[in-house]
Amino acid sequence: MWMSDMDERALSHDNSEFVSITQAFLASELRSKIHCPRCGATIDFGGKVEWKGPDHFACGHCDRLVNKSLIIRAMNDLGIGQIPGMK
């Protein structure tokens, strides 16, 4: 099966640099200012976060589940990844 023109355009390399929302968040100062709502410890997004499903991760200090909405609110405060309805 031959690739269509559309497939070739999708595979062509673009020189623009893509920075994901996650990269922007992890590079910001805000990443070290988010605290676990359960124990109050600073959450280490550089290494001590274990995802427990699509919406929750475990705090590396108290091992309690935290919802990803905590990160979404922090990204909205930073001005990246604006998601309608999330404050």
N, C-alpha and C. Protein backbone atom coordinates (compact mmCIF):
# COMPACT_ATOMS: atom_id res chain seq x y z
N MET A 1 0.84 -1.18 0.00
CA MET A 1 0.00 0.00 0.00
C MET A 1 0.89 1.24 0.00
N TRP A 2 0.59 2.17 -0.89
CA TRP A 2 1.36 3.40 -1.02
C TRP A 2 0.85 4.47 -0.08
N MET A 3 1.77 5.31 0.38
CA MET A 3 1.35 6.42 1.24
C MET A 3 0.68 7.49 0.40
N SER A 4 -0.36 8.04 0.90
CA SER A 4 -1.02 9.16 0.22
C SER A 4 -0.24 10.44 0.50
N ASP A 5 -0.56 11.49 -0.25
CA ASP A 5 0.08 12.79 -0.01
C ASP A 5 -0.15 13.26 1.42
N MET A 6 -1.33 12.98 1.94
CA MET A 6 -1.65 13.39 3.31
C MET A 6 -0.75 12.68 4.31
N ASP A 7 -0.49 11.38 4.09
CA ASP A 7 0.40 10.64 4.97
C ASP A 7 1.80 11.21 4.94
N GLU A 8 2.28 11.58 3.74
CA GLU A 8 3.62 12.13 3.61
C GLU A 8 3.73 13.47 4.34
N ARG A 9 2.69 14.31 4.26
CA ARG A 9 2.71 15.59 4.97
C ARG A 9 2.73 15.36 6.48
N ALA A 10 2.01 14.36 6.94
CA ALA A 10 1.97 14.06 8.37
C ALA A 10 3.33 13.59 8.87
N LEU A 11 4.10 12.94 8.00
CA LEU A 11 5.40 12.42 8.39
C LEU A 11 6.54 13.40 8.16
N SER A 12 6.30 14.49 7.42
CA SER A 12 7.38 15.42 7.11
C SER A 12 7.83 16.14 8.38
N HIS A 13 9.12 16.44 8.44
CA HIS A 13 9.72 17.07 9.63
C HIS A 13 9.49 18.57 9.59
N ASP A 14 9.04 19.12 10.67
CA ASP A 14 8.84 20.55 10.81
C ASP A 14 9.95 21.07 11.72
N ASN A 15 10.53 22.20 11.38
CA ASN A 15 11.64 22.74 12.17
C ASN A 15 11.20 23.48 13.42
N SER A 16 9.91 23.72 13.59
CA SER A 16 9.46 24.41 14.80
C SER A 16 9.62 23.49 16.01
N GLU A 17 9.96 24.09 17.14
CA GLU A 17 10.20 23.30 18.35
C GLU A 17 8.93 23.23 19.18
N PHE A 18 8.54 22.03 19.55
CA PHE A 18 7.34 21.81 20.34
C PHE A 18 7.72 21.69 21.80
N VAL A 19 7.04 22.43 22.66
CA VAL A 19 7.23 22.31 24.10
C VAL A 19 5.88 21.90 24.68
N SER A 20 5.85 20.75 25.29
CA SER A 20 4.60 20.25 25.85
C SER A 20 4.23 21.02 27.12
N ILE A 21 2.97 20.90 27.48
CA ILE A 21 2.50 21.52 28.72
C ILE A 21 3.27 20.96 29.90
N THR A 22 3.53 19.66 29.86
CA THR A 22 4.27 19.01 30.95
C THR A 22 5.68 19.57 31.05
N GLN A 23 6.36 19.74 29.89
CA GLN A 23 7.71 20.30 29.91
C GLN A 23 7.70 21.72 30.48
N ALA A 24 6.73 22.52 30.07
CA ALA A 24 6.64 23.90 30.58
C ALA A 24 6.41 23.91 32.09
N PHE A 25 5.54 23.03 32.56
CA PHE A 25 5.26 22.94 34.00
C PHE A 25 6.50 22.51 34.77
N LEU A 26 7.19 21.47 34.30
CA LEU A 26 8.36 20.96 35.01
C LEU A 26 9.52 21.94 34.99
N ALA A 27 9.57 22.82 33.98
CA ALA A 27 10.63 23.81 33.90
C ALA A 27 10.32 25.07 34.72
N SER A 28 9.10 25.19 35.20
CA SER A 28 8.69 26.39 35.93
C SER A 28 9.03 26.29 37.42
N GLU A 29 9.03 27.43 38.07
CA GLU A 29 9.24 27.46 39.52
C GLU A 29 8.05 26.87 40.27
N LEU A 30 6.91 26.89 39.63
CA LEU A 30 5.68 26.42 40.27
C LEU A 30 5.75 24.93 40.63
N ARG A 31 6.54 24.16 39.89
CA ARG A 31 6.58 22.72 40.14
C ARG A 31 7.10 22.39 41.54
N SER A 32 7.88 23.28 42.12
CA SER A 32 8.41 23.02 43.46
C SER A 32 7.59 23.71 44.55
N LYS A 33 6.43 24.24 44.17
CA LYS A 33 5.59 24.94 45.15
C LYS A 33 4.25 24.25 45.35
N ILE A 34 4.09 23.07 44.80
CA ILE A 34 2.83 22.36 44.96
C ILE A 34 2.96 21.40 46.13
N HIS A 35 2.02 21.49 47.04
CA HIS A 35 2.05 20.68 48.24
C HIS A 35 0.93 19.65 48.23
N CYS A 36 1.18 18.52 48.83
CA CYS A 36 0.17 17.48 48.96
C CYS A 36 -0.96 18.01 49.84
N PRO A 37 -2.19 17.90 49.38
CA PRO A 37 -3.31 18.38 50.20
C PRO A 37 -3.56 17.50 51.42
N ARG A 38 -2.94 16.33 51.47
CA ARG A 38 -3.14 15.40 52.58
C ARG A 38 -2.12 15.61 53.70
N CYS A 39 -0.81 15.63 53.33
CA CYS A 39 0.22 15.72 54.37
C CYS A 39 0.95 17.06 54.39
N GLY A 40 0.79 17.87 53.33
CA GLY A 40 1.41 19.19 53.29
C GLY A 40 2.83 19.21 52.75
N ALA A 41 3.40 18.06 52.47
CA ALA A 41 4.77 18.01 51.95
C ALA A 41 4.81 18.49 50.50
N THR A 42 5.94 19.06 50.10
CA THR A 42 6.12 19.47 48.71
C THR A 42 6.21 18.23 47.84
N ILE A 43 5.44 18.22 46.75
CA ILE A 43 5.44 17.07 45.85
C ILE A 43 6.60 17.21 44.88
N ASP A 44 7.43 16.18 44.80
CA ASP A 44 8.61 16.17 43.93
C ASP A 44 8.23 15.64 42.56
N PHE A 45 7.88 16.56 41.64
CA PHE A 45 7.50 16.13 40.30
C PHE A 45 8.71 15.75 39.46
N GLY A 46 9.90 15.95 40.00
CA GLY A 46 11.11 15.55 39.30
C GLY A 46 11.45 14.09 39.46
N GLY A 47 10.76 13.39 40.37
CA GLY A 47 11.13 12.00 40.54
C GLY A 47 10.27 11.16 41.44
N LYS A 48 9.60 11.74 42.43
CA LYS A 48 8.89 10.92 43.41
C LYS A 48 7.39 10.86 43.19
N VAL A 49 6.95 10.91 41.95
CA VAL A 49 5.52 10.83 41.67
C VAL A 49 5.24 9.52 40.95
N GLU A 50 4.37 8.73 41.53
CA GLU A 50 3.99 7.45 40.93
C GLU A 50 2.52 7.53 40.51
N TRP A 51 2.29 7.43 39.21
CA TRP A 51 0.91 7.49 38.70
C TRP A 51 0.19 6.21 39.01
N LYS A 52 -1.03 6.34 39.52
CA LYS A 52 -1.85 5.19 39.92
C LYS A 52 -3.08 5.04 39.03
N GLY A 53 -3.07 5.66 37.90
CA GLY A 53 -4.20 5.60 36.97
C GLY A 53 -4.22 6.86 36.15
N PRO A 54 -5.22 7.03 35.34
CA PRO A 54 -5.24 8.20 34.46
C PRO A 54 -5.45 9.53 35.20
N ASP A 55 -6.02 9.50 36.39
CA ASP A 55 -6.37 10.74 37.08
C ASP A 55 -5.71 10.94 38.44
N HIS A 56 -4.99 9.96 38.93
CA HIS A 56 -4.44 10.05 40.28
C HIS A 56 -2.97 9.65 40.32
N PHE A 57 -2.25 10.25 41.24
CA PHE A 57 -0.87 9.86 41.51
C PHE A 57 -0.69 9.79 43.02
N ALA A 58 0.35 9.10 43.45
CA ALA A 58 0.62 8.94 44.87
C ALA A 58 1.66 9.97 45.32
N CYS A 59 1.40 10.60 46.45
CA CYS A 59 2.38 11.49 47.06
C CYS A 59 3.56 10.63 47.50
N GLY A 60 4.77 11.09 47.22
CA GLY A 60 5.96 10.33 47.59
C GLY A 60 6.25 10.34 49.08
N HIS A 61 5.53 11.17 49.84
CA HIS A 61 5.77 11.27 51.28
C HIS A 61 4.77 10.46 52.09
N CYS A 62 3.48 10.63 51.80
CA CYS A 62 2.45 9.94 52.60
C CYS A 62 1.79 8.79 51.84
N ASP A 63 2.11 8.66 50.55
CA ASP A 63 1.59 7.59 49.69
C ASP A 63 0.08 7.65 49.50
N ARG A 64 -0.54 8.79 49.81
CA ARG A 64 -1.98 8.97 49.58
C ARG A 64 -2.20 9.39 48.14
N LEU A 65 -3.38 9.06 47.61
CA LEU A 65 -3.71 9.43 46.23
C LEU A 65 -4.09 10.90 46.14
N VAL A 66 -3.59 11.55 45.08
CA VAL A 66 -3.89 12.95 44.80
C VAL A 66 -4.43 13.02 43.38
N ASN A 67 -5.47 13.81 43.16
CA ASN A 67 -6.06 13.93 41.83
C ASN A 67 -5.23 14.88 40.97
N LYS A 68 -5.18 14.60 39.67
CA LYS A 68 -4.39 15.43 38.76
C LYS A 68 -4.93 16.86 38.65
N SER A 69 -6.13 17.12 39.13
CA SER A 69 -6.68 18.49 39.08
C SER A 69 -5.77 19.46 39.84
N LEU A 70 -5.01 18.96 40.81
CA LEU A 70 -4.05 19.79 41.54
C LEU A 70 -3.01 20.34 40.57
N ILE A 71 -2.53 19.51 39.65
CA ILE A 71 -1.54 19.93 38.66
C ILE A 71 -2.19 20.87 37.65
N ILE A 72 -3.41 20.56 37.22
CA ILE A 72 -4.11 21.38 36.24
C ILE A 72 -4.33 22.79 36.78
N ARG A 73 -4.72 22.90 38.04
CA ARG A 73 -4.89 24.23 38.65
C ARG A 73 -3.57 24.98 38.68
N ALA A 74 -2.49 24.28 39.00
CA ALA A 74 -1.17 24.91 39.04
C ALA A 74 -0.75 25.39 37.65
N MET A 75 -1.02 24.59 36.62
CA MET A 75 -0.69 24.99 35.25
C MET A 75 -1.53 26.19 34.84
N ASN A 76 -2.79 26.23 35.22
CA ASN A 76 -3.64 27.39 34.92
C ASN A 76 -3.12 28.64 35.62
N ASP A 77 -2.65 28.50 36.87
CA ASP A 77 -2.06 29.62 37.59
C ASP A 77 -0.81 30.13 36.87
N LEU A 78 -0.08 29.21 36.26
CA LEU A 78 1.13 29.55 35.53
C LEU A 78 0.81 30.17 34.17
N GLY A 79 -0.41 29.94 33.69
CA GLY A 79 -0.81 30.48 32.39
C GLY A 79 -0.55 29.54 31.24
N ILE A 80 -0.28 28.27 31.54
CA ILE A 80 -0.08 27.28 30.48
C ILE A 80 -1.18 26.24 30.58
N GLY A 81 -1.55 25.71 29.45
CA GLY A 81 -2.54 24.64 29.44
C GLY A 81 -3.89 25.07 29.94
N GLN A 82 -4.33 26.26 29.56
CA GLN A 82 -5.63 26.75 30.01
C GLN A 82 -6.73 25.78 29.63
N ILE A 83 -7.40 25.25 30.60
CA ILE A 83 -8.47 24.29 30.39
C ILE A 83 -9.77 24.92 30.86
N PRO A 84 -10.73 25.10 29.94
CA PRO A 84 -11.98 25.74 30.33
C PRO A 84 -12.65 25.02 31.50
N GLY A 85 -13.13 25.81 32.45
CA GLY A 85 -13.84 25.24 33.58
C GLY A 85 -12.97 24.86 34.76
N MET A 86 -11.66 24.83 34.58
CA MET A 86 -10.76 24.48 35.68
C MET A 86 -10.18 25.76 36.26
N LYS A 87 -10.27 25.91 37.57
CA LYS A 87 -9.71 27.09 38.24
C LYS A 87 -8.78 26.67 39.35
